[in-house]
């Protein structure tokens, strides 16, 4: 019998105004799609990019999230995120709190 080694996981997440995610390293392939609002993201040493509804980005396993935040001081942002990883693996390892 064939057994899947990789499994997709989907998450719809809302971020309040000016909310930030903790920095960390992706352990999975990540596809992020902006449903509502405006989101700023920075991976590794690349420049900060601003995404609006209908725009998306991908993160390869091992990519370092330097910034993911809701760019609006007043409006929430909503993302659809799809993670693909080996079954049972962690999706992200957070950086230690400083």
PDB file of N, CA and C in Angstrom:
ATOM      1  N   UNK A   1       0.842  -1.178   0.000  1.00  0.00           N
ATOM      2  CA  UNK A   1       0.000   0.000   0.000  1.00  0.00           C
ATOM      3  C   UNK A   1       0.887   1.241   0.000  1.00  0.00           C
ATOM      4  N   UNK A   2       0.502   2.228  -0.776  1.00  0.00           N
ATOM      5  CA  UNK A   2       1.226   3.493  -0.876  1.00  0.00           C
ATOM      6  C   UNK A   2       0.880   4.371   0.316  1.00  0.00           C
ATOM      7  N   UNK A   3       1.890   4.978   0.922  1.00  0.00           N
ATOM      8  CA  UNK A   3       1.661   5.862   2.067  1.00  0.00           C
ATOM      9  C   UNK A   3       2.279   7.222   1.772  1.00  0.00           C
ATOM     10  N   UNK A   4       1.502   8.277   1.956  1.00  0.00           N
ATOM     11  CA  UNK A   4       1.982   9.632   1.686  1.00  0.00           C
ATOM     12  C   UNK A   4       3.064  10.020   2.681  1.00  0.00           C
ATOM     13  N   UNK A   5       4.168  10.570   2.167  1.00  0.00           N
ATOM     14  CA  UNK A   5       5.228  11.085   3.029  1.00  0.00           C
ATOM     15  C   UNK A   5       5.017  12.561   3.325  1.00  0.00           C
ATOM     16  N   UNK A   6       4.398  13.256   2.398  1.00  0.00           N
ATOM     17  CA  UNK A   6       4.168  14.693   2.559  1.00  0.00           C
ATOM     18  C   UNK A   6       2.683  14.952   2.710  1.00  0.00           C
ATOM     19  N   UNK A   7       2.383  15.960   3.493  1.00  0.00           N
ATOM     20  CA  UNK A   7       0.977  16.287   3.670  1.00  0.00           C
ATOM     21  C   UNK A   7       0.792  17.804   3.631  1.00  0.00           C
ATOM     22  N   UNK A   8      -0.226  18.259   2.894  1.00  0.00           N
ATOM     23  CA  UNK A   8      -0.531  19.690   2.892  1.00  0.00           C
ATOM     24  C   UNK A   8      -1.400  20.034   4.098  1.00  0.00           C
ATOM     25  N   UNK A   9      -1.177  21.206   4.660  1.00  0.00           N
ATOM     26  CA  UNK A   9      -2.024  21.717   5.733  1.00  0.00           C
ATOM     27  C   UNK A   9      -2.394  23.148   5.376  1.00  0.00           C
ATOM     28  N   UNK A  10      -3.633  23.491   5.574  1.00  0.00           N
ATOM     29  CA  UNK A  10      -4.139  24.802   5.210  1.00  0.00           C
ATOM     30  C   UNK A  10      -4.535  25.543   6.469  1.00  0.00           C
ATOM     31  N   UNK A  11      -4.288  26.853   6.459  1.00  0.00           N
ATOM     32  CA  UNK A  11      -4.662  27.684   7.585  1.00  0.00           C
ATOM     33  C   UNK A  11      -5.138  29.025   7.066  1.00  0.00           C
ATOM     34  N   UNK A  12      -6.248  29.481   7.589  1.00  0.00           N
ATOM     35  CA  UNK A  12      -6.704  30.839   7.301  1.00  0.00           C
ATOM     36  C   UNK A  12      -6.463  31.619   8.581  1.00  0.00           C
ATOM     37  N   UNK A  13      -5.719  32.696   8.481  1.00  0.00           N
ATOM     38  CA  UNK A  13      -5.348  33.418   9.678  1.00  0.00           C
ATOM     39  C   UNK A  13      -5.662  34.894   9.539  1.00  0.00           C
ATOM     40  N   UNK A  14      -6.181  35.484  10.583  1.00  0.00           N
ATOM     41  CA  UNK A  14      -6.450  36.922  10.625  1.00  0.00           C
ATOM     42  C   UNK A  14      -5.455  37.576  11.565  1.00  0.00           C
ATOM     43  N   UNK A  15      -5.006  38.752  11.189  1.00  0.00           N
ATOM     44  CA  UNK A  15      -4.082  39.515  12.016  1.00  0.00           C
ATOM     45  C   UNK A  15      -4.696  40.874  12.297  1.00  0.00           C
ATOM     46  N   UNK A  16      -4.795  41.265  13.571  1.00  0.00           N
ATOM     47  CA  UNK A  16      -5.314  42.600  13.888  1.00  0.00           C
ATOM     48  C   UNK A  16      -4.358  43.679  13.379  1.00  0.00           C
ATOM     49  N   UNK A  17      -4.809  44.913  13.414  1.00  0.00           N
ATOM     50  CA  UNK A  17      -3.991  46.043  12.967  1.00  0.00           C
ATOM     51  C   UNK A  17      -2.618  46.021  13.627  1.00  0.00           C
ATOM     52  N   UNK A  18      -1.600  46.228  12.833  1.00  0.00           N
ATOM     53  CA  UNK A  18      -0.191  46.299  13.256  1.00  0.00           C
ATOM     54  C   UNK A  18       0.347  45.038  13.926  1.00  0.00           C
ATOM     55  N   UNK A  19      -0.344  43.912  13.828  1.00  0.00           N
ATOM     56  CA  UNK A  19       0.146  42.671  14.451  1.00  0.00           C
ATOM     57  C   UNK A  19       1.334  42.120  13.672  1.00  0.00           C
ATOM     58  N   UNK A  20       2.260  41.508  14.396  1.00  0.00           N
ATOM     59  CA  UNK A  20       3.454  40.884  13.809  1.00  0.00           C
ATOM     60  C   UNK A  20       3.525  39.427  14.219  1.00  0.00           C
ATOM     61  N   UNK A  21       4.063  38.605  13.334  1.00  0.00           N
ATOM     62  CA  UNK A  21       4.359  37.210  13.680  1.00  0.00           C
ATOM     63  C   UNK A  21       5.765  37.158  14.257  1.00  0.00           C
ATOM     64  N   UNK A  22       6.014  36.172  15.102  1.00  0.00           N
ATOM     65  CA  UNK A  22       7.376  35.972  15.611  1.00  0.00           C
ATOM     66  C   UNK A  22       8.295  35.587  14.464  1.00  0.00           C
ATOM     67  N   UNK A  23       9.549  36.010  14.556  1.00  0.00           N
ATOM     68  CA  UNK A  23      10.524  35.614  13.546  1.00  0.00           C
ATOM     69  C   UNK A  23      10.870  34.143  13.741  1.00  0.00           C
ATOM     70  N   UNK A  24      11.293  33.510  12.656  1.00  0.00           N
ATOM     71  CA  UNK A  24      11.637  32.099  12.744  1.00  0.00           C
ATOM     72  C   UNK A  24      11.989  31.526  11.384  1.00  0.00           C
ATOM     73  N   UNK A  25      12.225  30.228  11.358  1.00  0.00           N
ATOM     74  CA  UNK A  25      12.632  29.540  10.143  1.00  0.00           C
ATOM     75  C   UNK A  25      11.554  28.560   9.714  1.00  0.00           C
ATOM     76  N   UNK A  26      11.168  28.650   8.430  1.00  0.00           N
ATOM     77  CA  UNK A  26      10.162  27.742   7.872  1.00  0.00           C
ATOM     78  C   UNK A  26      10.742  26.340   7.783  1.00  0.00           C
ATOM     79  N   UNK A  27       9.993  25.362   8.223  1.00  0.00           N
ATOM     80  CA  UNK A  27      10.396  23.963   8.116  1.00  0.00           C
ATOM     81  C   UNK A  27       9.627  23.257   7.003  1.00  0.00           C
ATOM     82  N   UNK A  28       8.690  23.989   6.394  1.00  0.00           N
ATOM     83  CA  UNK A  28       7.837  23.445   5.345  1.00  0.00           C
ATOM     84  C   UNK A  28       7.881  24.382   4.142  1.00  0.00           C
ATOM     85  N   UNK A  29       7.420  23.902   3.001  1.00  0.00           N
ATOM     86  CA  UNK A  29       7.167  24.785   1.865  1.00  0.00           C
ATOM     87  C   UNK A  29       5.904  25.557   2.228  1.00  0.00           C
ATOM     88  N   UNK A  30       5.921  26.882   2.041  1.00  0.00           N
ATOM     89  CA  UNK A  30       4.790  27.730   2.439  1.00  0.00           C
ATOM     90  C   UNK A  30       4.308  28.531   1.237  1.00  0.00           C
ATOM     91  N   UNK A  31       2.989  28.522   1.019  1.00  0.00           N
ATOM     92  CA  UNK A  31       2.340  29.376   0.026  1.00  0.00           C
ATOM     93  C   UNK A  31       1.384  30.265   0.804  1.00  0.00           C
ATOM     94  N   UNK A  32       1.579  31.593   0.723  1.00  0.00           N
ATOM     95  CA  UNK A  32       0.731  32.548   1.446  1.00  0.00           C
ATOM     96  C   UNK A  32      -0.001  33.435   0.442  1.00  0.00           C
ATOM     97  N   UNK A  33      -1.305  33.594   0.635  1.00  0.00           N
ATOM     98  CA  UNK A  33      -2.164  34.364  -0.268  1.00  0.00           C
ATOM     99  C   UNK A  33      -2.951  35.372   0.566  1.00  0.00           C
ATOM    100  N   UNK A  34      -2.881  36.644   0.202  1.00  0.00           N
ATOM    101  CA  UNK A  34      -3.565  37.687   0.953  1.00  0.00           C
ATOM    102  C   UNK A  34      -5.031  37.746   0.525  1.00  0.00           C
ATOM    103  N   UNK A  35      -5.931  37.520   1.481  1.00  0.00           N
ATOM    104  CA  UNK A  35      -7.371  37.585   1.231  1.00  0.00           C
ATOM    105  C   UNK A  35      -7.905  39.000   1.451  1.00  0.00           C
ATOM    106  N   UNK A  36      -7.479  39.636   2.537  1.00  0.00           N
ATOM    107  CA  UNK A  36      -7.924  40.988   2.890  1.00  0.00           C
ATOM    108  C   UNK A  36      -6.773  41.733   3.533  1.00  0.00           C
ATOM    109  N   UNK A  37      -6.760  43.057   3.372  1.00  0.00           N
ATOM    110  CA  UNK A  37      -5.772  43.885   4.047  1.00  0.00           C
ATOM    111  C   UNK A  37      -4.461  43.966   3.305  1.00  0.00           C
ATOM    112  N   UNK A  38      -3.456  44.433   4.005  1.00  0.00           N
ATOM    113  CA  UNK A  38      -2.110  44.616   3.456  1.00  0.00           C
ATOM    114  C   UNK A  38      -1.102  43.991   4.418  1.00  0.00           C
ATOM    115  N   UNK A  39      -0.201  43.179   3.872  1.00  0.00           N
ATOM    116  CA  UNK A  39       0.773  42.457   4.681  1.00  0.00           C
ATOM    117  C   UNK A  39       2.176  42.767   4.167  1.00  0.00           C
ATOM    118  N   UNK A  40       3.098  43.011   5.087  1.00  0.00           N
ATOM    119  CA  UNK A  40       4.512  43.179   4.736  1.00  0.00           C
ATOM    120  C   UNK A  40       5.255  41.923   5.158  1.00  0.00           C
ATOM    121  N   UNK A  41       6.175  41.506   4.286  1.00  0.00           N
ATOM    122  CA  UNK A  41       6.954  40.306   4.571  1.00  0.00           C
ATOM    123  C   UNK A  41       8.407  40.524   4.150  1.00  0.00           C
ATOM    124  N   UNK A  42       9.315  39.933   4.918  1.00  0.00           N
ATOM    125  CA  UNK A  42      10.740  39.958   4.582  1.00  0.00           C
ATOM    126  C   UNK A  42      11.304  38.586   4.887  1.00  0.00           C
ATOM    127  N   UNK A  43      11.953  38.001   3.894  1.00  0.00           N
ATOM    128  CA  UNK A  43      12.594  36.699   4.042  1.00  0.00           C
ATOM    129  C   UNK A  43      14.092  36.850   3.853  1.00  0.00           C
ATOM    130  N   UNK A  44      14.846  36.229   4.728  1.00  0.00           N
ATOM    131  CA  UNK A  44      16.305  36.215   4.645  1.00  0.00           C
ATOM    132  C   UNK A  44      16.834  37.637   4.460  1.00  0.00           C
ATOM    133  N   UNK A  45      17.702  37.840   3.474  1.00  0.00           N
ATOM    134  CA  UNK A  45      18.289  39.165   3.252  1.00  0.00           C
ATOM    135  C   UNK A  45      17.606  39.921   2.109  1.00  0.00           C
ATOM    136  N   UNK A  46      16.432  39.466   1.705  1.00  0.00           N
ATOM    137  CA  UNK A  46      15.683  40.130   0.633  1.00  0.00           C
ATOM    138  C   UNK A  46      14.998  41.380   1.179  1.00  0.00           C
ATOM    139  N   UNK A  47      14.617  42.320   0.298  1.00  0.00           N
ATOM    140  CA  UNK A  47      13.946  43.533   0.784  1.00  0.00           C
ATOM    141  C   UNK A  47      12.532  43.236   1.293  1.00  0.00           C
ATOM    142  N   UNK A  48      12.017  44.141   2.111  1.00  0.00           N
ATOM    143  CA  UNK A  48      10.629  44.049   2.580  1.00  0.00           C
ATOM    144  C   UNK A  48       9.716  44.224   1.367  1.00  0.00           C
ATOM    145  N   UNK A  49       8.701  43.352   1.269  1.00  0.00           N
ATOM    146  CA  UNK A  49       7.732  43.430   0.180  1.00  0.00           C
ATOM    147  C   UNK A  49       6.346  43.590   0.781  1.00  0.00           C
ATOM    148  N   UNK A  50       5.522  44.427   0.161  1.00  0.00           N
ATOM    149  CA  UNK A  50       4.150  44.646   0.607  1.00  0.00           C
ATOM    150  C   UNK A  50       3.205  43.905  -0.326  1.00  0.00           C
ATOM    151  N   UNK A  51       2.275  43.142   0.267  1.00  0.00           N
ATOM    152  CA  UNK A  51       1.313  42.344  -0.498  1.00  0.00           C
ATOM    153  C   UNK A  51      -0.101  42.813  -0.187  1.00  0.00           C
ATOM    154  N   UNK A  52      -0.931  42.846  -1.227  1.00  0.00           N
ATOM    155  CA  UNK A  52      -2.328  43.281  -1.111  1.00  0.00           C
ATOM    156  C   UNK A  52      -3.247  42.131  -1.526  1.00  0.00           C
ATOM    157  N   UNK A  53      -4.556  42.270  -1.329  1.00  0.00           N
ATOM    158  CA  UNK A  53      -5.465  41.179  -1.696  1.00  0.00           C
ATOM    159  C   UNK A  53      -5.232  40.672  -3.126  1.00  0.00           C
ATOM    160  N   UNK A  54      -5.172  39.342  -3.233  1.00  0.00           N
ATOM    161  CA  UNK A  54      -4.943  38.696  -4.516  1.00  0.00           C
ATOM    162  C   UNK A  54      -3.477  38.420  -4.802  1.00  0.00           C
ATOM    163  N   UNK A  55      -2.571  38.956  -3.988  1.00  0.00           N
ATOM    164  CA  UNK A  55      -1.140  38.719  -4.189  1.00  0.00           C
ATOM    165  C   UNK A  55      -0.668  37.596  -3.265  1.00  0.00           C
ATOM    166  N   UNK A  56       0.459  36.982  -3.614  1.00  0.00           N
ATOM    167  CA  UNK A  56       0.950  35.836  -2.841  1.00  0.00           C
ATOM    168  C   UNK A  56       2.462  35.792  -2.844  1.00  0.00           C
ATOM    169  N   UNK A  57       3.000  34.935  -1.980  1.00  0.00           N
ATOM    170  CA  UNK A  57       4.429  34.648  -1.968  1.00  0.00           C
ATOM    171  C   UNK A  57       4.630  33.216  -1.518  1.00  0.00           C
ATOM    172  N   UNK A  58       5.835  32.718  -1.762  1.00  0.00           N
ATOM    173  CA  UNK A  58       6.190  31.364  -1.327  1.00  0.00           C
ATOM    174  C   UNK A  58       7.455  31.432  -0.478  1.00  0.00           C
ATOM    175  N   UNK A  59       7.584  30.477   0.389  1.00  0.00           N
ATOM    176  CA  UNK A  59       8.765  30.335   1.239  1.00  0.00           C
ATOM    177  C   UNK A  59       9.248  28.907   1.110  1.00  0.00           C
ATOM    178  N   UNK A  60      10.510  28.766   0.808  1.00  0.00           N
ATOM    179  CA  UNK A  60      11.114  27.439   0.723  1.00  0.00           C
ATOM    180  C   UNK A  60      11.465  26.958   2.129  1.00  0.00           C
ATOM    181  N   UNK A  61      11.511  25.657   2.365  1.00  0.00           N
ATOM    182  CA  UNK A  61      11.980  25.173   3.663  1.00  0.00           C
ATOM    183  C   UNK A  61      13.368  25.757   3.962  1.00  0.00           C
ATOM    184  N   UNK A  62      13.547  26.217   5.181  1.00  0.00           N
ATOM    185  CA  UNK A  62      14.806  26.827   5.579  1.00  0.00           C
ATOM    186  C   UNK A  62      14.823  28.341   5.450  1.00  0.00           C
ATOM    187  N   UNK A  63      13.792  28.923   4.823  1.00  0.00           N
ATOM    188  CA  UNK A  63      13.725  30.387   4.701  1.00  0.00           C
ATOM    189  C   UNK A  63      13.532  31.003   6.088  1.00  0.00           C
ATOM    190  N   UNK A  64      14.222  32.105   6.328  1.00  0.00           N
ATOM    191  CA  UNK A  64      14.116  32.779   7.617  1.00  0.00           C
ATOM    192  C   UNK A  64      13.143  33.948   7.495  1.00  0.00           C
ATOM    193  N   UNK A  65      12.047  33.915   8.301  1.00  0.00           N
ATOM    194  CA  UNK A  65      11.075  35.017   8.372  1.00  0.00           C
ATOM    195  C   UNK A  65      11.706  36.112   9.210  1.00  0.00           C
ATOM    196  N   UNK A  66      12.047  37.201   8.611  1.00  0.00           N
ATOM    197  CA  UNK A  66      12.574  38.322   9.370  1.00  0.00           C
ATOM    198  C   UNK A  66      11.413  39.234   9.775  1.00  0.00           C
ATOM    199  N   UNK A  67      10.373  39.283   8.916  1.00  0.00           N
ATOM    200  CA  UNK A  67       9.215  40.139   9.182  1.00  0.00           C
ATOM    201  C   UNK A  67       7.991  39.569   8.487  1.00  0.00           C
ATOM    202  N   UNK A  68       6.903  39.464   9.192  1.00  0.00           N
ATOM    203  CA  UNK A  68       5.573  39.249   8.622  1.00  0.00           C
ATOM    204  C   UNK A  68       4.639  40.043   9.511  1.00  0.00           C
ATOM    205  N   UNK A  69       4.019  41.088   8.942  1.00  0.00           N
ATOM    206  CA  UNK A  69       3.165  41.946   9.754  1.00  0.00           C
ATOM    207  C   UNK A  69       2.012  42.516   8.950  1.00  0.00           C
ATOM    208  N   UNK A  70       0.949  42.847   9.675  1.00  0.00           N
ATOM    209  CA  UNK A  70      -0.158  43.594   9.107  1.00  0.00           C
ATOM    210  C   UNK A  70       0.320  45.035   8.976  1.00  0.00           C
ATOM    211  N   UNK A  71       0.298  45.579   7.759  1.00  0.00           N
ATOM    212  CA  UNK A  71       0.829  46.917   7.508  1.00  0.00           C
ATOM    213  C   UNK A  71      -0.116  48.035   7.940  1.00  0.00           C
ATOM    214  N   UNK A  72      -1.364  47.712   8.194  1.00  0.00           N
ATOM    215  CA  UNK A  72      -2.347  48.750   8.520  1.00  0.00           C
ATOM    216  C   UNK A  72      -2.385  49.062  10.013  1.00  0.00           C
ATOM    217  N   UNK A  73      -2.459  50.356  10.346  1.00  0.00           N
ATOM    218  CA  UNK A  73      -2.610  50.727  11.755  1.00  0.00           C
ATOM    219  C   UNK A  73      -4.058  50.603  12.242  1.00  0.00           C
ATOM    220  N   UNK A  74      -5.011  50.371  11.318  1.00  0.00           N
ATOM    221  CA  UNK A  74      -6.422  50.360  11.721  1.00  0.00           C
ATOM    222  C   UNK A  74      -7.229  49.154  11.240  1.00  0.00           C
ATOM    223  N   UNK A  75      -6.816  48.489  10.169  1.00  0.00           N
ATOM    224  CA  UNK A  75      -7.610  47.414   9.567  1.00  0.00           C
ATOM    225  C   UNK A  75      -6.962  46.045   9.764  1.00  0.00           C
ATOM    226  N   UNK A  76      -7.775  44.991   9.955  1.00  0.00           N
ATOM    227  CA  UNK A  76      -7.205  43.644  10.044  1.00  0.00           C
ATOM    228  C   UNK A  76      -6.728  43.158   8.672  1.00  0.00           C
ATOM    229  N   UNK A  77      -5.908  42.141   8.665  1.00  0.00           N
ATOM    230  CA  UNK A  77      -5.461  41.479   7.440  1.00  0.00           C
ATOM    231  C   UNK A  77      -5.781  39.996   7.570  1.00  0.00           C
ATOM    232  N   UNK A  78      -6.079  39.362   6.441  1.00  0.00           N
ATOM    233  CA  UNK A  78      -6.410  37.934   6.459  1.00  0.00           C
ATOM    234  C   UNK A  78      -5.611  37.222   5.375  1.00  0.00           C
ATOM    235  N   UNK A  79      -4.998  36.107   5.757  1.00  0.00           N
ATOM    236  CA  UNK A  79      -4.179  35.302   4.851  1.00  0.00           C
ATOM    237  C   UNK A  79      -4.704  33.878   4.765  1.00  0.00           C
ATOM    238  N   UNK A  80      -4.547  33.277   3.598  1.00  0.00           N
ATOM    239  CA  UNK A  80      -4.709  31.838   3.433  1.00  0.00           C
ATOM    240  C   UNK A  80      -3.291  31.301   3.294  1.00  0.00           C
ATOM    241  N   UNK A  81      -2.911  30.368   4.140  1.00  0.00           N
ATOM    242  CA  UNK A  81      -1.560  29.822   4.117  1.00  0.00           C
ATOM    243  C   UNK A  81      -1.642  28.313   3.939  1.00  0.00           C
ATOM    244  N   UNK A  82      -0.866  27.799   2.980  1.00  0.00           N
ATOM    245  CA  UNK A  82      -0.790  26.352   2.751  1.00  0.00           C
ATOM    246  C   UNK A  82       0.643  25.920   3.042  1.00  0.00           C
ATOM    247  N   UNK A  83       0.777  24.941   3.926  1.00  0.00           N
ATOM    248  CA  UNK A  83       2.076  24.377   4.290  1.00  0.00           C
ATOM    249  C   UNK A  83       2.163  22.976   3.698  1.00  0.00           C
ATOM    250  N   UNK A  84       3.304  22.624   3.113  1.00  0.00           N
ATOM    251  CA  UNK A  84       3.532  21.253   2.652  1.00  0.00           C
ATOM    252  C   UNK A  84       4.829  20.789   3.303  1.00  0.00           C
ATOM    253  N   UNK A  85       4.716  19.711   4.086  1.00  0.00           N
ATOM    254  CA  UNK A  85       5.883  19.206   4.811  1.00  0.00           C
ATOM    255  C   UNK A  85       5.798  17.695   4.913  1.00  0.00           C
ATOM    256  N   UNK A  86       6.893  17.111   5.363  1.00  0.00           N
ATOM    257  CA  UNK A  86       6.851  15.690   5.667  1.00  0.00           C
ATOM    258  C   UNK A  86       5.812  15.501   6.771  1.00  0.00           C
ATOM    259  N   UNK A  87       5.029  14.470   6.668  1.00  0.00           N
ATOM    260  CA  UNK A  87       3.964  14.209   7.621  1.00  0.00           C
ATOM    261  C   UNK A  87       4.509  14.196   9.051  1.00  0.00           C
ATOM    262  N   UNK A  88       3.904  15.022   9.917  1.00  0.00           N
ATOM    263  CA  UNK A  88       4.291  15.077  11.321  1.00  0.00           C
ATOM    264  C   UNK A  88       5.368  16.086  11.652  1.00  0.00           C
ATOM    265  N   UNK A  89       6.027  16.671  10.644  1.00  0.00           N
ATOM    266  CA  UNK A  89       7.091  17.644  10.913  1.00  0.00           C
ATOM    267  C   UNK A  89       6.522  18.966  11.411  1.00  0.00           C
ATOM    268  N   UNK A  90       7.352  19.718  12.159  1.00  0.00           N
ATOM    269  CA  UNK A  90       6.993  21.070  12.564  1.00  0.00           C
ATOM    270  C   UNK A  90       6.935  21.951  11.319  1.00  0.00           C
ATOM    271  N   UNK A  91       6.083  22.980  11.356  1.00  0.00           N
ATOM    272  CA  UNK A  91       5.952  23.891  10.224  1.00  0.00           C
ATOM    273  C   UNK A  91       6.934  25.060  10.313  1.00  0.00           C
ATOM    274  N   UNK A  92       7.265  25.468  11.529  1.00  0.00           N
ATOM    275  CA  UNK A  92       8.145  26.615  11.733  1.00  0.00           C
ATOM    276  C   UNK A  92       8.843  26.468  13.077  1.00  0.00           C
ATOM    277  N   UNK A  93      10.085  26.914  13.119  1.00  0.00           N
ATOM    278  CA  UNK A  93      10.817  26.966  14.381  1.00  0.00           C
ATOM    279  C   UNK A  93      11.021  28.447  14.700  1.00  0.00           C
ATOM    280  N   UNK A  94      10.430  28.916  15.795  1.00  0.00           N
ATOM    281  CA  UNK A  94      10.547  30.329  16.190  1.00  0.00           C
ATOM    282  C   UNK A  94      11.963  30.632  16.660  1.00  0.00           C
ATOM    283  N   UNK A  95      12.411  31.855  16.367  1.00  0.00           N
ATOM    284  CA  UNK A  95      13.677  32.326  16.924  1.00  0.00           C
ATOM    285  C   UNK A  95      13.533  32.466  18.418  1.00  0.00           C
ATOM    286  N   UNK A  96      14.622  32.324  19.161  1.00  0.00           N
ATOM    287  CA  UNK A  96      14.527  32.562  20.617  1.00  0.00           C
ATOM    288  C   UNK A  96      14.093  33.992  20.888  1.00  0.00           C
ATOM    289  N   UNK A  97      13.313  34.188  21.946  1.00  0.00           N
ATOM    290  CA  UNK A  97      12.910  35.553  22.337  1.00  0.00           C
ATOM    291  C   UNK A  97      14.136  36.306  22.790  1.00  0.00           C
ATOM    292  N   UNK A  98      14.211  37.589  22.388  1.00  0.00           N
ATOM    293  CA  UNK A  98      15.360  38.380  22.803  1.00  0.00           C
ATOM    294  C   UNK A  98      14.972  39.453  23.787  1.00  0.00           C
TER     295      UNK A  98
END
